[in-house]
């Protein structure tokens, strides 16, 4: 049994209607706007190149909204991709409006005090596990590596788990022990780093002291402007550049 792996599209497709089949992995275009989804990107041509690369990778749906920018991201999509490929689906959200100072429209913010109470949803993770398998059973997704949402990788990690587990079972045939051991060996280090990275980012995102937040922001700005190698704010280039197919070759 051969498991085809094609990088970004290795997760396959999902059929939403007879005439609507999308890649399971899409692209969230909010990140193309300026800081806090406001204003234009620092490098407009680079943002357009990213969108063209998304289509070249075979991704067939892009998520956007007119309040990213506002208007900026939709303009970038048109500049980079129009005329649009026949199989490309652009999904947008409507109704939210932001003011000239980046604030949300008062019509929206007035909704909050109208509710008698608001509920907080607790967020939990768990310390990384070194072993996932016992006998002929193993773990996958949140059961193996529940994580906080601050790197946006919970579902992505589960999809990667599924790809690797299927490929290892196919590779090792009847030797399930070897398949589960190989699956664990490939997945534990990456998921552990992601769990701990999400936990660290949660702390960075919610610093109580204004001075601590200022120090963080200055550090990120200096790294982005003068750094070498991975200049992403939380140094997570390793996370988003990963190719599960290449990992198993």
Protein backbone atom coordinates (compact mmCIF):
# COMPACT_ATOMS: atom_id res chain seq x y z
CA UNK A 1 0.00 0.00 0.00
CA UNK A 2 1.47 3.35 -1.04
CA UNK A 3 0.54 6.53 0.82
CA UNK A 4 0.92 9.48 -1.61
CA UNK A 5 2.43 12.53 0.04
CA UNK A 6 2.45 15.87 -1.75
CA UNK A 7 3.46 18.36 0.89
CA UNK A 8 0.76 20.92 1.63
CA UNK A 9 -1.98 18.94 -0.14
CA UNK A 10 -1.16 15.61 1.54
CA UNK A 11 -4.19 16.01 3.82
CA UNK A 12 -6.41 15.38 0.79
CA UNK A 13 -9.69 17.03 -0.13
CA UNK A 14 -13.19 17.39 1.27
CA UNK A 15 -16.40 17.45 -0.80
CA UNK A 16 -18.87 20.07 0.44
CA UNK A 17 -21.25 19.72 -2.50
CA UNK A 18 -21.40 17.89 -5.82
CA UNK A 19 -19.58 20.76 -7.51
CA UNK A 20 -17.47 21.94 -4.55
CA UNK A 21 -14.33 20.00 -3.62
CA UNK A 22 -11.68 21.79 -1.55
CA UNK A 23 -8.25 20.93 -0.23
CA UNK A 24 -8.50 20.29 3.52
CA UNK A 25 -5.64 22.73 4.07
CA UNK A 26 -6.59 26.30 3.24
CA UNK A 27 -4.83 29.64 3.63
CA UNK A 28 -5.83 32.32 6.16
CA UNK A 29 -5.11 35.64 4.47
CA UNK A 30 -5.48 37.73 7.65
CA UNK A 31 -1.72 37.45 8.13
CA UNK A 32 -1.06 39.45 4.96
CA UNK A 33 -2.28 42.74 6.45
CA UNK A 34 -0.21 44.90 8.78
CA UNK A 35 0.06 44.42 12.56
CA UNK A 36 -3.24 43.44 14.25
CA UNK A 37 -4.76 42.97 10.76
CA UNK A 38 -4.60 46.73 10.22
CA UNK A 39 -3.05 48.63 7.34
CA UNK A 40 -0.98 47.39 4.41
CA UNK A 41 1.87 44.86 4.62
CA UNK A 42 5.39 46.19 4.82
CA UNK A 43 6.23 44.47 1.52
CA UNK A 44 3.26 44.40 -0.84
CA UNK A 45 5.06 42.43 -3.56
CA UNK A 46 6.10 39.78 -1.04
CA UNK A 47 2.49 39.42 0.11
CA UNK A 48 1.36 38.94 -3.48
CA UNK A 49 4.10 36.34 -3.97
CA UNK A 50 2.79 34.42 -0.97
CA UNK A 51 -0.69 34.30 -2.50
CA UNK A 52 0.65 33.06 -5.82
CA UNK A 53 2.67 30.41 -4.00
CA UNK A 54 -0.48 29.28 -2.17
CA UNK A 55 -2.18 28.58 -5.50
CA UNK A 56 0.95 26.97 -6.95
CA UNK A 57 1.00 24.57 -3.98
CA UNK A 58 -2.44 23.33 -4.99
CA UNK A 59 -4.44 24.96 -2.19
CA UNK A 60 -7.93 25.67 -3.43
CA UNK A 61 -9.49 27.89 -0.77
CA UNK A 62 -8.47 31.17 0.82
CA UNK A 63 -10.14 32.77 3.83
CA UNK A 64 -10.38 36.56 3.88
CA UNK A 65 -12.53 39.47 5.05
CA UNK A 66 -13.05 43.06 4.03
CA UNK A 67 -12.09 44.24 7.52
CA UNK A 68 -8.58 42.81 7.20
CA UNK A 69 -6.82 46.05 6.53
CA UNK A 70 -9.62 47.09 5.98
CA UNK A 71 -9.92 46.23 2.27
CA UNK A 72 -6.17 45.62 2.00
CA UNK A 73 -6.20 41.83 1.92
CA UNK A 74 -9.01 41.62 -0.62
CA UNK A 75 -7.10 44.05 -2.82
CA UNK A 76 -3.95 41.93 -2.52
CA UNK A 77 -5.84 38.79 -3.51
CA UNK A 78 -7.23 40.47 -6.60
CA UNK A 79 -3.87 41.96 -7.59
CA UNK A 80 -2.07 38.66 -7.19
CA UNK A 81 -4.58 36.13 -8.49
CA UNK A 82 -7.12 37.74 -10.84
CA UNK A 83 -8.25 36.24 -13.18
CA UNK A 84 -8.88 33.53 -10.62
CA UNK A 85 -8.27 29.82 -11.28
CA UNK A 86 -11.48 27.90 -11.85
CA UNK A 87 -10.96 25.67 -8.79
CA UNK A 88 -10.09 28.48 -6.36
CA UNK A 89 -12.71 29.31 -3.71
CA UNK A 90 -12.35 32.60 -1.81
CA UNK A 91 -14.32 32.64 1.43
CA UNK A 92 -15.06 36.00 3.04
CA UNK A 93 -16.81 37.37 6.11
CA UNK A 94 -19.08 40.39 6.00
CA UNK A 95 -20.65 42.82 8.44
CA UNK A 96 -17.76 43.71 10.76
CA UNK A 97 -16.53 47.28 10.36
CA UNK A 98 -13.55 49.10 11.85
CA UNK A 99 -12.98 52.80 12.33
CA UNK A 100 -10.16 54.93 10.96
CA UNK A 101 -8.22 54.47 14.22
CA UNK A 102 -8.44 50.63 13.91
CA UNK A 103 -11.15 50.48 16.57
CA UNK A 104 -14.17 48.27 16.08
CA UNK A 105 -17.35 50.03 15.03
CA UNK A 106 -19.43 51.19 18.05
CA UNK A 107 -22.45 49.37 16.63
CA UNK A 108 -20.55 46.15 17.26
CA UNK A 109 -19.05 47.01 20.63
CA UNK A 110 -22.45 48.09 21.99
CA UNK A 111 -23.52 44.46 21.81
CA UNK A 112 -21.27 43.41 24.68
CA UNK A 113 -23.04 45.14 27.59
CA UNK A 114 -26.41 43.86 26.36
CA UNK A 115 -25.67 40.39 27.71
CA UNK A 116 -26.32 39.87 31.46
CA UNK A 117 -23.22 37.68 31.75
CA UNK A 118 -20.24 36.43 29.80
CA UNK A 119 -18.54 33.09 30.25
CA UNK A 120 -14.84 32.41 30.17
CA UNK A 121 -13.69 29.26 28.42
CA UNK A 122 -10.80 27.63 30.21
CA UNK A 123 -7.82 26.63 28.09
CA UNK A 124 -5.80 23.59 29.08
CA UNK A 125 -2.83 21.69 27.76
CA UNK A 126 -0.92 18.75 29.15
CA UNK A 127 2.77 18.08 29.68
CA UNK A 128 4.24 16.26 26.66
CA UNK A 129 4.17 12.47 26.79
CA UNK A 130 7.26 10.50 25.81
CA UNK A 131 5.30 7.31 25.03
CA UNK A 132 2.02 7.10 23.14
CA UNK A 133 1.67 3.39 22.38
CA UNK A 134 0.77 0.44 24.56
CA UNK A 135 0.38 -2.92 22.94
CA UNK A 136 -1.58 -2.54 19.72
CA UNK A 137 -3.09 0.83 20.71
CA UNK A 138 -1.64 4.30 20.27
CA UNK A 139 -2.69 7.92 20.64
CA UNK A 140 -3.29 10.59 18.02
CA UNK A 141 -4.19 14.29 18.09
CA UNK A 142 -5.22 15.94 21.35
CA UNK A 143 -5.21 12.64 23.21
CA UNK A 144 -1.45 12.52 22.61
CA UNK A 145 -0.52 16.20 22.74
CA UNK A 146 -3.29 18.54 23.91
CA UNK A 147 -1.99 22.07 23.38
CA UNK A 148 -2.97 25.69 23.80
CA UNK A 149 -4.17 27.48 20.64
CA UNK A 150 -1.50 30.16 20.42
CA UNK A 151 0.41 28.61 17.52
CA UNK A 152 -2.75 27.52 15.70
CA UNK A 153 -1.51 23.94 15.36
CA UNK A 154 -3.94 21.68 17.21
CA UNK A 155 -5.77 20.38 14.14
CA UNK A 156 -2.64 20.53 12.00
CA UNK A 157 -0.74 18.27 14.38
CA UNK A 158 -3.57 15.74 14.34
CA UNK A 159 -3.60 15.69 10.54
CA UNK A 160 0.16 15.15 10.49
CA UNK A 161 -0.24 12.34 13.03
CA UNK A 162 -2.77 10.62 10.79
CA UNK A 163 -0.54 10.90 7.71
CA UNK A 164 2.49 9.49 9.51
CA UNK A 165 0.57 6.71 11.27
CA UNK A 166 -1.01 5.52 8.00
CA UNK A 167 2.33 5.63 6.21
CA UNK A 168 4.16 3.72 8.95
CA UNK A 169 1.53 0.97 9.05
CA UNK A 170 1.76 0.69 5.26
CA UNK A 171 5.57 0.62 5.38
CA UNK A 172 5.92 -2.02 8.10
CA UNK A 173 3.15 -4.31 6.91
CA UNK A 174 2.20 -6.91 9.52
CA UNK A 175 4.75 -5.66 12.09
CA UNK A 176 2.46 -3.31 14.02
CA UNK A 177 4.95 -2.91 16.88
CA UNK A 178 7.54 -1.54 14.47
CA UNK A 179 4.95 0.72 12.82
CA UNK A 180 3.80 2.26 16.11
CA UNK A 181 7.39 2.67 17.29
CA UNK A 182 8.34 4.48 14.07
CA UNK A 183 5.23 6.67 14.27
CA UNK A 184 6.08 7.64 17.84
CA UNK A 185 9.72 8.30 16.99
CA UNK A 186 8.78 10.65 14.17
CA UNK A 187 6.00 12.52 15.94
CA UNK A 188 6.93 12.92 19.62
CA UNK A 189 9.78 15.46 19.20
CA UNK A 190 7.80 17.77 16.92
CA UNK A 191 4.58 17.68 18.91
CA UNK A 192 6.49 18.19 22.17
CA UNK A 193 8.13 21.31 20.77
CA UNK A 194 4.75 22.59 19.59
CA UNK A 195 3.06 22.01 22.95
CA UNK A 196 5.83 23.85 24.78
CA UNK A 197 6.00 26.57 22.14
CA UNK A 198 2.27 27.24 22.45
CA UNK A 199 2.64 27.43 26.22
CA UNK A 200 5.50 29.92 25.93
CA UNK A 201 3.57 32.06 23.47
CA UNK A 202 0.59 32.16 25.84
CA UNK A 203 2.82 33.76 28.45
CA UNK A 204 4.25 36.24 25.95
CA UNK A 205 0.78 37.16 24.69
CA UNK A 206 -0.60 37.92 28.15
CA UNK A 207 2.15 39.82 29.93
CA UNK A 208 0.58 41.86 32.72
CA UNK A 209 3.21 44.59 32.95
CA UNK A 210 3.19 47.37 30.32
CA UNK A 211 6.99 47.48 30.56
CA UNK A 212 7.24 43.76 29.94
CA UNK A 213 5.01 44.13 26.88
CA UNK A 214 7.13 47.02 25.61
CA UNK A 215 10.32 44.99 26.06
CA UNK A 216 8.74 42.08 24.18
CA UNK A 217 7.58 44.27 21.30
CA UNK A 218 10.97 45.98 20.96
CA UNK A 219 12.69 42.58 20.95
CA UNK A 220 10.41 41.35 18.19
CA UNK A 221 10.88 44.51 16.12
CA UNK A 222 14.68 44.32 16.40
CA UNK A 223 14.69 40.65 15.49
CA UNK A 224 12.52 41.27 12.44
CA UNK A 225 14.62 44.17 11.20
CA UNK A 226 18.17 43.14 12.08
CA UNK A 227 18.02 39.43 12.82
CA UNK A 228 19.38 36.64 10.67
CA UNK A 229 17.97 33.20 10.03
CA UNK A 230 14.55 32.75 11.58
CA UNK A 231 13.27 36.28 12.22
CA UNK A 232 9.67 35.33 13.00
CA UNK A 233 8.44 36.91 16.23
CA UNK A 234 8.41 33.65 18.20
CA UNK A 235 11.09 31.93 16.10
CA UNK A 236 8.67 29.33 14.77
CA UNK A 237 9.81 29.12 11.16
CA UNK A 238 10.58 25.44 11.83
CA UNK A 239 6.90 24.90 12.58
CA UNK A 240 5.38 26.32 9.41
CA UNK A 241 8.10 25.20 6.99
CA UNK A 242 7.60 21.54 7.92
CA UNK A 243 6.73 19.03 5.19
CA UNK A 244 5.38 15.78 6.60
CA UNK A 245 6.00 13.98 3.31
CA UNK A 246 9.65 14.98 3.22
CA UNK A 247 10.02 13.91 6.85
CA UNK A 248 9.14 10.31 5.98
CA UNK A 249 11.38 9.87 2.96
